Structure formats: structure tokens, C-alpha cells
Amino acid sequence: MVSASRIVDNLWAMTTPVRPVRRPAMARWVRTSVRVSTDDVASSRTRIDGWMRTARASEQLAFARAEASF
């Protein structure tokens, strides 16, 4: 059985706030890293959306050709 003091310690650890970075250089690095990562995700999403549109158009064209051949 887990002791009450251990439960309190675990709860305290889960609710302890994370302090902001004190060094400006590190803060700039983190901001830049987040921005680049966000841009990468956005460009990936754009590529995937474009690929999906192309795939749907190809599928519709193939279906239309199949119907026209009957």
C-alpha cells in the first residue's frame, strides 16, 4: 500500500509549475525552434492536402472514363 506522504509527493510533482527560461539566448533558441517546427508541420500539411486533391481528381477521372466506356 502506498503511504499518504508518497501520494502527496507525487501530486506535488505533478502540479509544480515549470519556471520560464532565464537566459535570453536560450529563450530565443526555443522560440526559433518552435517556429521552424510549426512551419515544417504547416508545409507538410499543405503537401498532404495537395496530394489528396490530386488523388481524388485522378480517382474521379478514372471513374468517369470507366462509366463512359459502357
N, C-alpha and C. Protein backbone atom coordinates (compact mmCIF):
# COMPACT_ATOMS: atom_id res chain seq x y z
N MET A 1 0.85 -1.18 0.00
CA MET A 1 0.00 0.00 0.00
C MET A 1 0.89 1.24 0.00
N VAL A 2 0.51 2.25 -0.76
CA VAL A 2 1.29 3.48 -0.88
C VAL A 2 0.97 4.39 0.29
N SER A 3 2.02 4.97 0.88
CA SER A 3 1.81 5.85 2.03
C SER A 3 1.23 7.19 1.58
N ALA A 4 0.57 7.87 2.50
CA ALA A 4 -0.05 9.17 2.22
C ALA A 4 1.01 10.20 1.84
N SER A 5 2.16 10.17 2.50
CA SER A 5 3.19 11.16 2.19
C SER A 5 3.73 10.97 0.77
N ARG A 6 3.80 9.73 0.33
CA ARG A 6 4.28 9.47 -1.03
C ARG A 6 3.26 9.96 -2.06
N ILE A 7 1.98 9.78 -1.78
CA ILE A 7 0.93 10.29 -2.67
C ILE A 7 1.02 11.81 -2.75
N VAL A 8 1.20 12.47 -1.61
CA VAL A 8 1.32 13.93 -1.59
C VAL A 8 2.53 14.36 -2.40
N ASP A 9 3.66 13.67 -2.25
CA ASP A 9 4.86 14.00 -3.02
C ASP A 9 4.60 13.88 -4.52
N ASN A 10 3.91 12.81 -4.92
CA ASN A 10 3.61 12.62 -6.34
C ASN A 10 2.68 13.70 -6.87
N LEU A 11 1.67 14.05 -6.09
CA LEU A 11 0.74 15.11 -6.51
C LEU A 11 1.47 16.44 -6.61
N TRP A 12 2.37 16.72 -5.67
CA TRP A 12 3.12 17.97 -5.71
C TRP A 12 3.96 18.03 -6.97
N ALA A 13 4.59 16.93 -7.33
CA ALA A 13 5.44 16.90 -8.51
C ALA A 13 4.63 17.15 -9.78
N MET A 14 3.39 16.68 -9.80
CA MET A 14 2.56 16.87 -10.99
C MET A 14 2.06 18.31 -11.11
N THR A 15 1.97 19.04 -10.01
CA THR A 15 1.42 20.40 -10.06
C THR A 15 2.48 21.48 -9.95
N THR A 16 3.74 21.11 -9.87
CA THR A 16 4.81 22.10 -9.77
C THR A 16 4.97 22.82 -11.11
N PRO A 17 4.85 24.14 -11.13
CA PRO A 17 4.97 24.85 -12.40
C PRO A 17 6.41 24.84 -12.91
N VAL A 18 6.55 24.90 -14.20
CA VAL A 18 7.87 24.96 -14.82
C VAL A 18 8.25 26.42 -14.93
N ARG A 19 9.43 26.74 -14.45
CA ARG A 19 9.88 28.14 -14.49
C ARG A 19 10.29 28.54 -15.90
N PRO A 20 10.06 29.79 -16.27
CA PRO A 20 10.50 30.24 -17.60
C PRO A 20 12.02 30.26 -17.70
N VAL A 21 12.50 30.20 -18.89
CA VAL A 21 13.94 30.24 -19.13
C VAL A 21 14.48 31.59 -18.72
N ARG A 22 15.58 31.60 -18.01
CA ARG A 22 16.14 32.87 -17.51
C ARG A 22 17.13 33.48 -18.48
N ARG A 23 17.69 32.68 -19.36
CA ARG A 23 18.70 33.22 -20.28
C ARG A 23 18.03 33.60 -21.60
N PRO A 24 18.17 34.85 -22.04
CA PRO A 24 17.53 35.30 -23.28
C PRO A 24 17.95 34.49 -24.50
N ALA A 25 19.21 34.09 -24.56
CA ALA A 25 19.68 33.33 -25.72
C ALA A 25 18.93 32.00 -25.82
N MET A 26 18.72 31.35 -24.70
CA MET A 26 18.00 30.09 -24.69
C MET A 26 16.54 30.31 -25.07
N ALA A 27 15.95 31.38 -24.58
CA ALA A 27 14.55 31.69 -24.91
C ALA A 27 14.41 31.93 -26.42
N ARG A 28 15.36 32.65 -27.02
CA ARG A 28 15.32 32.89 -28.47
C ARG A 28 15.45 31.57 -29.23
N TRP A 29 16.34 30.72 -28.76
CA TRP A 29 16.55 29.43 -29.42
C TRP A 29 15.26 28.61 -29.38
N VAL A 30 14.59 28.60 -28.23
CA VAL A 30 13.34 27.83 -28.09
C VAL A 30 12.28 28.40 -29.02
N ARG A 31 12.13 29.74 -29.04
CA ARG A 31 11.13 30.36 -29.93
C ARG A 31 11.41 30.03 -31.39
N THR A 32 12.67 30.10 -31.79
CA THR A 32 13.04 29.79 -33.17
C THR A 32 12.75 28.34 -33.49
N SER A 33 13.09 27.46 -32.57
CA SER A 33 12.86 26.03 -32.77
C SER A 33 11.37 25.75 -32.94
N VAL A 34 10.55 26.35 -32.10
CA VAL A 34 9.10 26.15 -32.18
C VAL A 34 8.58 26.68 -33.51
N ARG A 35 9.05 27.86 -33.92
CA ARG A 35 8.59 28.46 -35.18
C ARG A 35 8.95 27.57 -36.37
N VAL A 36 10.19 27.09 -36.41
CA VAL A 36 10.63 26.23 -37.52
C VAL A 36 9.83 24.93 -37.52
N SER A 37 9.63 24.36 -36.36
CA SER A 37 8.87 23.12 -36.26
C SER A 37 7.43 23.34 -36.73
N THR A 38 6.84 24.45 -36.34
CA THR A 38 5.47 24.77 -36.75
C THR A 38 5.40 24.96 -38.26
N ASP A 39 6.39 25.65 -38.83
CA ASP A 39 6.43 25.85 -40.28
C ASP A 39 6.55 24.52 -41.01
N ASP A 40 7.37 23.61 -40.47
CA ASP A 40 7.53 22.29 -41.09
C ASP A 40 6.21 21.53 -41.10
N VAL A 41 5.48 21.60 -40.00
CA VAL A 41 4.19 20.91 -39.92
C VAL A 41 3.22 21.52 -40.92
N ALA A 42 3.20 22.85 -41.00
CA ALA A 42 2.29 23.53 -41.92
C ALA A 42 2.61 23.17 -43.37
N SER A 43 3.89 23.15 -43.74
CA SER A 43 4.24 22.83 -45.12
C SER A 43 3.94 21.37 -45.42
N SER A 44 4.13 20.50 -44.45
CA SER A 44 3.81 19.09 -44.63
C SER A 44 2.31 18.93 -44.84
N ARG A 45 1.53 19.65 -44.05
CA ARG A 45 0.08 19.59 -44.17
C ARG A 45 -0.36 20.08 -45.56
N THR A 46 0.29 21.13 -46.06
CA THR A 46 -0.03 21.66 -47.38
C THR A 46 0.28 20.63 -48.46
N ARG A 47 1.43 19.97 -48.34
CA ARG A 47 1.80 18.94 -49.32
C ARG A 47 0.81 17.79 -49.29
N ILE A 48 0.41 17.37 -48.10
CA ILE A 48 -0.54 16.25 -47.98
C ILE A 48 -1.89 16.64 -48.56
N ASP A 49 -2.35 17.87 -48.26
CA ASP A 49 -3.62 18.33 -48.81
C ASP A 49 -3.58 18.35 -50.33
N GLY A 50 -2.48 18.83 -50.90
CA GLY A 50 -2.34 18.85 -52.35
C GLY A 50 -2.33 17.46 -52.94
N TRP A 51 -1.66 16.55 -52.27
CA TRP A 51 -1.60 15.16 -52.74
C TRP A 51 -2.99 14.54 -52.72
N MET A 52 -3.75 14.82 -51.66
CA MET A 52 -5.10 14.26 -51.54
C MET A 52 -6.01 14.80 -52.66
N ARG A 53 -5.90 16.09 -52.95
CA ARG A 53 -6.71 16.66 -54.04
C ARG A 53 -6.36 16.00 -55.37
N THR A 54 -5.07 15.79 -55.61
CA THR A 54 -4.63 15.15 -56.85
C THR A 54 -5.15 13.72 -56.92
N ALA A 55 -5.07 13.00 -55.81
CA ALA A 55 -5.54 11.61 -55.77
C ALA A 55 -7.04 11.54 -56.03
N ARG A 56 -7.80 12.45 -55.41
CA ARG A 56 -9.25 12.46 -55.63
C ARG A 56 -9.59 12.78 -57.08
N ALA A 57 -8.88 13.75 -57.67
CA ALA A 57 -9.12 14.11 -59.06
C ALA A 57 -8.82 12.93 -59.98
N SER A 58 -7.73 12.22 -59.72
CA SER A 58 -7.37 11.06 -60.54
C SER A 58 -8.43 9.97 -60.42
N GLU A 59 -8.91 9.76 -59.21
CA GLU A 59 -9.93 8.74 -58.98
C GLU A 59 -11.22 9.11 -59.72
N GLN A 60 -11.61 10.37 -59.64
CA GLN A 60 -12.83 10.81 -60.32
C GLN A 60 -12.69 10.68 -61.84
N LEU A 61 -11.52 11.02 -62.35
CA LEU A 61 -11.27 10.90 -63.79
C LEU A 61 -11.34 9.44 -64.22
N ALA A 62 -10.74 8.55 -63.46
CA ALA A 62 -10.76 7.13 -63.80
C ALA A 62 -12.19 6.60 -63.75
N PHE A 63 -12.97 7.02 -62.78
CA PHE A 63 -14.36 6.58 -62.65
C PHE A 63 -15.18 7.10 -63.83
N ALA A 64 -14.95 8.35 -64.21
CA ALA A 64 -15.69 8.94 -65.34
C ALA A 64 -15.35 8.21 -66.64
N ARG A 65 -14.09 7.85 -66.83
CA ARG A 65 -13.69 7.11 -68.03
C ARG A 65 -14.32 5.73 -68.06
N ALA A 66 -14.39 5.08 -66.89
CA ALA A 66 -14.99 3.75 -66.81
C ALA A 66 -16.47 3.82 -67.15
N GLU A 67 -17.16 4.83 -66.67
CA GLU A 67 -18.58 4.98 -66.97
C GLU A 67 -18.80 5.29 -68.45
N ALA A 68 -17.91 6.08 -69.03
CA ALA A 68 -18.05 6.48 -70.43
C ALA A 68 -17.83 5.30 -71.37
N SER A 69 -17.08 4.31 -70.94
CA SER A 69 -16.79 3.18 -71.82
C SER A 69 -17.96 2.21 -71.92
N PHE A 70 -18.95 2.33 -71.05
CA PHE A 70 -20.11 1.42 -71.11
C PHE A 70 -21.08 1.87 -72.11
